Structures are given as structure tokens and as C-alpha cells.
PDB file of N, CA and C in Angstrom:
ATOM      1  N   MET A   1     -11.174  -8.531  20.127  1.00  0.00           N
ATOM      2  CA  MET A   1     -10.567  -8.726  21.423  1.00  0.00           C
ATOM      3  C   MET A   1     -10.142  -7.400  22.041  1.00  0.00           C
ATOM      4  N   ILE A   2      -9.641  -6.514  21.210  1.00  0.00           N
ATOM      5  CA  ILE A   2      -9.201  -5.219  21.729  1.00  0.00           C
ATOM      6  C   ILE A   2     -10.403  -4.435  22.243  1.00  0.00           C
ATOM      7  N   ILE A   3     -11.509  -4.487  21.485  1.00  0.00           N
ATOM      8  CA  ILE A   3     -12.702  -3.756  21.908  1.00  0.00           C
ATOM      9  C   ILE A   3     -13.252  -4.362  23.196  1.00  0.00           C
ATOM     10  N   GLN A   4     -13.224  -5.687  23.277  1.00  0.00           N
ATOM     11  CA  GLN A   4     -13.703  -6.339  24.493  1.00  0.00           C
ATOM     12  C   GLN A   4     -12.834  -5.956  25.694  1.00  0.00           C
ATOM     13  N   ALA A   5     -11.537  -5.944  25.487  1.00  0.00           N
ATOM     14  CA  ALA A   5     -10.632  -5.554  26.571  1.00  0.00           C
ATOM     15  C   ALA A   5     -10.840  -4.093  26.938  1.00  0.00           C
ATOM     16  N   ALA A   6     -11.078  -3.254  25.938  1.00  0.00           N
ATOM     17  CA  ALA A   6     -11.296  -1.841  26.210  1.00  0.00           C
ATOM     18  C   ALA A   6     -12.605  -1.619  26.944  1.00  0.00           C
ATOM     19  N   ALA A   7     -13.628  -2.386  26.589  1.00  0.00           N
ATOM     20  CA  ALA A   7     -14.927  -2.223  27.226  1.00  0.00           C
ATOM     21  C   ALA A   7     -14.892  -2.639  28.689  1.00  0.00           C
ATOM     22  N   THR A   8     -14.096  -3.644  28.985  1.00  0.00           N
ATOM     23  CA  THR A   8     -14.040  -4.091  30.377  1.00  0.00           C
ATOM     24  C   THR A   8     -13.145  -3.201  31.216  1.00  0.00           C
ATOM     25  N   SER A   9     -12.163  -2.555  30.590  1.00  0.00           N
ATOM     26  CA  SER A   9     -11.240  -1.747  31.376  1.00  0.00           C
ATOM     27  C   SER A   9     -11.737  -0.317  31.578  1.00  0.00           C
ATOM     28  N   SER A  10     -12.322   0.283  30.551  1.00  0.00           N
ATOM     29  CA  SER A  10     -12.717   1.675  30.684  1.00  0.00           C
ATOM     30  C   SER A  10     -13.914   1.971  29.780  1.00  0.00           C
ATOM     31  N   PRO A  11     -15.029   2.353  30.346  1.00  0.00           N
ATOM     32  CA  PRO A  11     -16.183   2.709  29.520  1.00  0.00           C
ATOM     33  C   PRO A  11     -15.924   3.930  28.637  1.00  0.00           C
ATOM     34  N   ALA A  12     -15.100   4.836  29.118  1.00  0.00           N
ATOM     35  CA  ALA A  12     -14.784   6.023  28.315  1.00  0.00           C
ATOM     36  C   ALA A  12     -13.989   5.639  27.070  1.00  0.00           C
ATOM     37  N   PHE A  13     -13.076   4.686  27.217  1.00  0.00           N
ATOM     38  CA  PHE A  13     -12.285   4.230  26.071  1.00  0.00           C
ATOM     39  C   PHE A  13     -13.169   3.501  25.073  1.00  0.00           C
ATOM     40  N   ALA A  14     -14.102   2.697  25.563  1.00  0.00           N
ATOM     41  CA  ALA A  14     -15.039   1.995  24.682  1.00  0.00           C
ATOM     42  C   ALA A  14     -15.898   2.989  23.912  1.00  0.00           C
ATOM     43  N   ALA A  15     -16.347   4.041  24.589  1.00  0.00           N
ATOM     44  CA  ALA A  15     -17.142   5.074  23.921  1.00  0.00           C
ATOM     45  C   ALA A  15     -16.319   5.781  22.852  1.00  0.00           C
ATOM     46  N   LEU A  16     -15.059   6.019  23.152  1.00  0.00           N
ATOM     47  CA  LEU A  16     -14.176   6.655  22.174  1.00  0.00           C
ATOM     48  C   LEU A  16     -14.030   5.784  20.926  1.00  0.00           C
ATOM     49  N   ILE A  17     -13.868   4.474  21.133  1.00  0.00           N
ATOM     50  CA  ILE A  17     -13.768   3.548  19.992  1.00  0.00           C
ATOM     51  C   ILE A  17     -15.037   3.617  19.148  1.00  0.00           C
ATOM     52  N   TRP A  18     -16.200   3.604  19.796  1.00  0.00           N
ATOM     53  CA  TRP A  18     -17.471   3.612  19.071  1.00  0.00           C
ATOM     54  C   TRP A  18     -17.716   4.934  18.355  1.00  0.00           C
ATOM     55  N   TRP A  19     -17.051   5.994  18.740  1.00  0.00           N
ATOM     56  CA  TRP A  19     -17.156   7.256  18.021  1.00  0.00           C
ATOM     57  C   TRP A  19     -16.095   7.372  16.928  1.00  0.00           C
ATOM     58  N   LEU A  20     -14.913   6.839  17.150  1.00  0.00           N
ATOM     59  CA  LEU A  20     -13.831   6.988  16.172  1.00  0.00           C
ATOM     60  C   LEU A  20     -14.007   6.105  14.939  1.00  0.00           C
ATOM     61  N   VAL A  21     -14.495   4.884  15.126  1.00  0.00           N
ATOM     62  CA  VAL A  21     -14.650   3.979  13.975  1.00  0.00           C
ATOM     63  C   VAL A  21     -15.612   4.567  12.939  1.00  0.00           C
ATOM     64  N   PRO A  22     -16.824   4.981  13.316  1.00  0.00           N
ATOM     65  CA  PRO A  22     -17.704   5.591  12.301  1.00  0.00           C
ATOM     66  C   PRO A  22     -17.158   6.910  11.746  1.00  0.00           C
ATOM     67  N   PHE A  23     -16.474   7.671  12.594  1.00  0.00           N
ATOM     68  CA  PHE A  23     -15.897   8.929  12.130  1.00  0.00           C
ATOM     69  C   PHE A  23     -14.906   8.687  10.995  1.00  0.00           C
ATOM     70  N   PHE A  24     -13.996   7.723  11.189  1.00  0.00           N
ATOM     71  CA  PHE A  24     -13.017   7.445  10.145  1.00  0.00           C
ATOM     72  C   PHE A  24     -13.647   6.775   8.932  1.00  0.00           C
ATOM     73  N   ALA A  25     -14.709   6.016   9.129  1.00  0.00           N
ATOM     74  CA  ALA A  25     -15.416   5.422   7.992  1.00  0.00           C
ATOM     75  C   ALA A  25     -16.048   6.509   7.123  1.00  0.00           C
ATOM     76  N   VAL A  26     -16.697   7.468   7.755  1.00  0.00           N
ATOM     77  CA  VAL A  26     -17.319   8.566   7.006  1.00  0.00           C
ATOM     78  C   VAL A  26     -16.250   9.438   6.351  1.00  0.00           C
ATOM     79  N   LEU A  27     -15.176   9.698   7.062  1.00  0.00           N
ATOM     80  CA  LEU A  27     -14.083  10.484   6.498  1.00  0.00           C
ATOM     81  C   LEU A  27     -13.485   9.794   5.271  1.00  0.00           C
ATOM     82  N   GLY A  28     -13.264   8.495   5.369  1.00  0.00           N
ATOM     83  CA  GLY A  28     -12.738   7.740   4.229  1.00  0.00           C
ATOM     84  C   GLY A  28     -13.696   7.747   3.055  1.00  0.00           C
ATOM     85  N   ALA A  29     -14.987   7.629   3.324  1.00  0.00           N
ATOM     86  CA  ALA A  29     -15.985   7.662   2.252  1.00  0.00           C
ATOM     87  C   ALA A  29     -15.998   9.019   1.558  1.00  0.00           C
ATOM     88  N   LEU A  30     -15.905  10.094   2.325  1.00  0.00           N
ATOM     89  CA  LEU A  30     -15.881  11.433   1.726  1.00  0.00           C
ATOM     90  C   LEU A  30     -14.638  11.652   0.872  1.00  0.00           C
ATOM     91  N   ILE A  31     -13.508  11.193   1.358  1.00  0.00           N
ATOM     92  CA  ILE A  31     -12.265  11.326   0.584  1.00  0.00           C
ATOM     93  C   ILE A  31     -12.376  10.534  -0.713  1.00  0.00           C
ATOM     94  N   TYR A  32     -12.957   9.334  -0.652  1.00  0.00           N
ATOM     95  CA  TYR A  32     -13.124   8.515  -1.851  1.00  0.00           C
ATOM     96  C   TYR A  32     -14.055   9.194  -2.854  1.00  0.00           C
ATOM     97  N   VAL A  33     -15.167   9.752  -2.390  1.00  0.00           N
ATOM     98  CA  VAL A  33     -16.111  10.424  -3.290  1.00  0.00           C
ATOM     99  C   VAL A  33     -15.457  11.627  -3.952  1.00  0.00           C
ATOM    100  N   ILE A  34     -14.709  12.400  -3.193  1.00  0.00           N
ATOM    101  CA  ILE A  34     -14.015  13.556  -3.770  1.00  0.00           C
ATOM    102  C   ILE A  34     -12.975  13.109  -4.787  1.00  0.00           C
ATOM    103  N   TRP A  35     -12.250  12.045  -4.479  1.00  0.00           N
ATOM    104  CA  TRP A  35     -11.232  11.524  -5.400  1.00  0.00           C
ATOM    105  C   TRP A  35     -11.864  11.040  -6.691  1.00  0.00           C
ATOM    106  N   VAL A  36     -12.980  10.310  -6.585  1.00  0.00           N
ATOM    107  CA  VAL A  36     -13.670   9.809  -7.783  1.00  0.00           C
ATOM    108  C   VAL A  36     -14.189  10.971  -8.617  1.00  0.00           C
ATOM    109  N   ALA A  37     -14.788  11.970  -7.964  1.00  0.00           N
ATOM    110  CA  ALA A  37     -15.332  13.113  -8.700  1.00  0.00           C
ATOM    111  C   ALA A  37     -14.223  13.901  -9.398  1.00  0.00           C
ATOM    112  N   LYS A  38     -13.070  13.996  -8.772  1.00  0.00           N
ATOM    113  CA  LYS A  38     -11.973  14.775  -9.345  1.00  0.00           C
ATOM    114  C   LYS A  38     -11.357  14.084 -10.559  1.00  0.00           C
ATOM    115  N   PHE A  39     -11.202  12.760 -10.482  1.00  0.00           N
ATOM    116  CA  PHE A  39     -10.512  12.040 -11.549  1.00  0.00           C
ATOM    117  C   PHE A  39     -11.448  11.304 -12.499  1.00  0.00           C
ATOM    118  N   LYS A  40     -12.751  11.517 -12.369  1.00  0.00           N
ATOM    119  CA  LYS A  40     -13.726  10.816 -13.200  1.00  0.00           C
ATOM    120  C   LYS A  40     -13.533  11.122 -14.687  1.00  0.00           C
ATOM    121  N   ASP A  41     -13.369  12.384 -15.026  1.00  0.00           N
ATOM    122  CA  ASP A  41     -13.223  12.773 -16.428  1.00  0.00           C
ATOM    123  C   ASP A  41     -11.967  12.176 -17.041  1.00  0.00           C
ATOM    124  N   LYS A  42     -10.885  12.130 -16.277  1.00  0.00           N
ATOM    125  CA  LYS A  42      -9.638  11.581 -16.793  1.00  0.00           C
ATOM    126  C   LYS A  42      -9.804  10.115 -17.157  1.00  0.00           C
ATOM    127  N   TYR A  43     -10.423   9.351 -16.258  1.00  0.00           N
ATOM    128  CA  TYR A  43     -10.595   7.921 -16.528  1.00  0.00           C
ATOM    129  C   TYR A  43     -11.612   7.679 -17.627  1.00  0.00           C
ATOM    130  N   ALA A  44     -12.637   8.516 -17.716  1.00  0.00           N
ATOM    131  CA  ALA A  44     -13.628   8.375 -18.784  1.00  0.00           C
ATOM    132  C   ALA A  44     -12.978   8.616 -20.136  1.00  0.00           C
ATOM    133  N   ASN A  45     -12.114   9.620 -20.227  1.00  0.00           N
ATOM    134  CA  ASN A  45     -11.422   9.894 -21.486  1.00  0.00           C
ATOM    135  C   ASN A  45     -10.522   8.736 -21.875  1.00  0.00           C
ATOM    136  N   GLU A  46      -9.818   8.160 -20.915  1.00  0.00           N
ATOM    137  CA  GLU A  46      -8.950   7.025 -21.217  1.00  0.00           C
ATOM    138  C   GLU A  46      -9.762   5.822 -21.666  1.00  0.00           C
ATOM    139  N   THR A  47     -10.943   5.629 -21.064  1.00  0.00           N
ATOM    140  CA  THR A  47     -11.803   4.516 -21.462  1.00  0.00           C
ATOM    141  C   THR A  47     -12.310   4.720 -22.879  1.00  0.00           C
ATOM    142  N   ASN A  48     -12.762   5.922 -23.200  1.00  0.00           N
ATOM    143  CA  ASN A  48     -13.242   6.202 -24.555  1.00  0.00           C
ATOM    144  C   ASN A  48     -12.122   6.012 -25.572  1.00  0.00           C
ATOM    145  N   ARG A  49     -10.926   6.440 -25.219  1.00  0.00           N
ATOM    146  CA  ARG A  49      -9.786   6.283 -26.115  1.00  0.00           C
ATOM    147  C   ARG A  49      -9.506   4.798 -26.355  1.00  0.00           C
ATOM    148  N   SER A  50      -9.572   4.001 -25.303  1.00  0.00           N
ATOM    149  CA  SER A  50      -9.323   2.567 -25.431  1.00  0.00           C
ATOM    150  C   SER A  50     -10.401   1.893 -26.279  1.00  0.00           C
ATOM    151  N   VAL A  51     -11.653   2.278 -26.067  1.00  0.00           N
ATOM    152  CA  VAL A  51     -12.752   1.703 -26.843  1.00  0.00           C
ATOM    153  C   VAL A  51     -12.592   2.072 -28.314  1.00  0.00           C
ATOM    154  N   ASN A  52     -12.251   3.305 -28.594  1.00  0.00           N
ATOM    155  CA  ASN A  52     -12.067   3.734 -29.986  1.00  0.00           C
ATOM    156  C   ASN A  52     -10.919   2.977 -30.644  1.00  0.00           C
ATOM    157  N   LYS A  53      -9.835   2.771 -29.923  1.00  0.00           N
ATOM    158  CA  LYS A  53      -8.715   2.011 -30.487  1.00  0.00           C
ATOM    159  C   LYS A  53      -9.116   0.566 -30.755  1.00  0.00           C
ATOM    160  N   PHE A  54      -9.887  -0.027 -29.835  1.00  0.00           N
ATOM    161  CA  PHE A  54     -10.322  -1.408 -30.028  1.00  0.00           C
ATOM    162  C   PHE A  54     -11.277  -1.523 -31.213  1.00  0.00           C
ATOM    163  N   GLN A  55     -12.170  -0.544 -31.379  1.00  0.00           N
ATOM    164  CA  GLN A  55     -13.087  -0.581 -32.512  1.00  0.00           C
ATOM    165  C   GLN A  55     -12.346  -0.439 -33.833  1.00  0.00           C
ATOM    166  N   SER A  56     -11.345   0.423 -33.871  1.00  0.00           N
ATOM    167  CA  SER A  56     -10.571   0.541 -35.115  1.00  0.00           C
ATOM    168  C   SER A  56      -9.780  -0.733 -35.376  1.00  0.00           C
ATOM    169  N   PHE A  57      -9.325  -1.390 -34.319  1.00  0.00           N
ATOM    170  CA  PHE A  57      -8.651  -2.682 -34.455  1.00  0.00           C
ATOM    171  C   PHE A  57      -9.613  -3.723 -35.029  1.00  0.00           C
ATOM    172  N   GLN A  58     -10.856  -3.733 -34.536  1.00  0.00           N
ATOM    173  CA  GLN A  58     -11.842  -4.673 -35.069  1.00  0.00           C
ATOM    174  C   GLN A  58     -12.142  -4.374 -36.535  1.00  0.00           C
ATOM    175  N   HIS A  59     -12.284  -3.104 -36.874  1.00  0.00           N
ATOM    176  CA  HIS A  59     -12.599  -2.726 -38.256  1.00  0.00           C
ATOM    177  C   HIS A  59     -11.464  -3.098 -39.207  1.00  0.00           C
ATOM    178  N   SER A  60     -10.266  -3.184 -38.712  1.00  0.00           N
ATOM    179  CA  SER A  60      -9.148  -3.532 -39.593  1.00  0.00           C
ATOM    180  C   SER A  60      -9.237  -4.972 -40.089  1.00  0.00           C
ATOM    181  N   PHE A  61     -10.016  -5.820 -39.422  1.00  0.00           N
ATOM    182  CA  PHE A  61     -10.166  -7.212 -39.848  1.00  0.00           C
ATOM    183  C   PHE A  61     -11.352  -7.427 -40.782  1.00  0.00           C
ATOM    184  N   ARG A  62     -12.183  -6.434 -40.940  1.00  0.00           N
ATOM    185  CA  ARG A  62     -13.360  -6.589 -41.795  1.00  0.00           C
ATOM    186  C   ARG A  62     -12.976  -6.414 -43.251  1.00  0.00           C
ATOM    187  N   ASP A  63     -13.615  -7.228 -44.080  1.00  0.00           N
ATOM    188  CA  ASP A  63     -13.397  -7.149 -45.522  1.00  0.00           C
ATOM    189  C   ASP A  63     -14.307  -6.071 -46.081  1.00  0.00           C
ATOM    190  N   GLU A  64     -13.723  -5.053 -46.656  1.00  0.00           N
ATOM    191  CA  GLU A  64     -14.501  -3.903 -47.147  1.00  0.00           C
ATOM    192  C   GLU A  64     -15.310  -4.265 -48.400  1.00  0.00           C
ATOM    193  N   THR A  65     -14.876  -5.254 -49.190  1.00  0.00           N
ATOM    194  CA  THR A  65     -15.566  -5.579 -50.432  1.00  0.00           C
ATOM    195  C   THR A  65     -16.768  -6.475 -50.196  1.00  0.00           C
ATOM    196  N   LYS A  66     -16.834  -7.165 -49.096  1.00  0.00           N
ATOM    197  CA  LYS A  66     -17.931  -8.086 -48.804  1.00  0.00           C
ATOM    198  C   LYS A  66     -19.079  -7.314 -48.155  1.00  0.00           C
ATOM    199  N   ASP A  67     -20.325  -7.584 -48.612  1.00  0.00           N
ATOM    200  CA  ASP A  67     -21.490  -6.938 -48.029  1.00  0.00           C
ATOM    201  C   ASP A  67     -22.023  -7.863 -46.942  1.00  0.00           C
ATOM    202  N   ASP A  68     -21.881  -7.474 -45.696  1.00  0.00           N
ATOM    203  CA  ASP A  68     -22.291  -8.321 -44.573  1.00  0.00           C
ATOM    204  C   ASP A  68     -23.814  -8.375 -44.413  1.00  0.00           C
ATOM    205  N   SER A  69     -24.535  -7.428 -44.973  1.00  0.00           N
ATOM    206  CA  SER A  69     -25.974  -7.395 -44.788  1.00  0.00           C
ATOM    207  C   SER A  69     -26.703  -8.326 -45.755  1.00  0.00           C
ATOM    208  N   ALA A  70     -26.060  -8.769 -46.802  1.00  0.00           N
ATOM    209  CA  ALA A  70     -26.693  -9.649 -47.782  1.00  0.00           C
ATOM    210  C   ALA A  70     -26.783 -11.052 -47.210  1.00  0.00           C
ATOM    211  N   PRO A  71     -27.939 -11.723 -47.398  1.00  0.00           N
ATOM    212  CA  PRO A  71     -28.073 -13.103 -46.888  1.00  0.00           C
ATOM    213  C   PRO A  71     -27.238 -14.073 -47.720  1.00  0.00           C
ATOM    214  N   ASN A  72     -26.719 -15.074 -47.055  1.00  0.00           N
ATOM    215  CA  ASN A  72     -25.908 -16.086 -47.739  1.00  0.00           C
ATOM    216  C   ASN A  72     -26.842 -17.075 -48.452  1.00  0.00           C
ATOM    217  N   SER A  73     -26.532 -17.395 -49.736  1.00  0.00           N
ATOM    218  CA  SER A  73     -27.367 -18.319 -50.503  1.00  0.00           C
ATOM    219  C   SER A  73     -26.647 -19.614 -50.717  1.00  0.00           C
TER     220      SER A  73
END
């Protein structure tokens, strides 16, 4: 509704809207890409740490004396 009202009242204002919306979209995308690139290693390390903790948690439930590869008879 705002764009429609702007288009009917002033063509210059409508043109400004059509230039500002893509400008801010591209600006937001660039900021997001830079943010992801900057903090990617930090989050990857935390993920690896979490996976390693979960794997050690899983291994704590395994019976070390039982051979899992042997077929059950």
C-alpha cells in the first residue's frame, strides 16, 4: 500500500523505493557473508567439540569385552 501510494503521488519517490530496496538487500547479504566467513571457524570448532563429546559418550556405553563383529549363533 505504501508503494502504491508513493507511486501515485511522486514518480521520483517510487524510483527511490525501487533503488533502495535492492540496495539494502545486497548490503544485508554482504554483511551476512562477511559475518559467516569471520565466525565460520569458531562454529566449526564448537561443532567438532560437540561431536567428539557425543562420540565419547556413545563409547562409554559399549561393552569392551564383547566382540561386536562376531556373528551371533
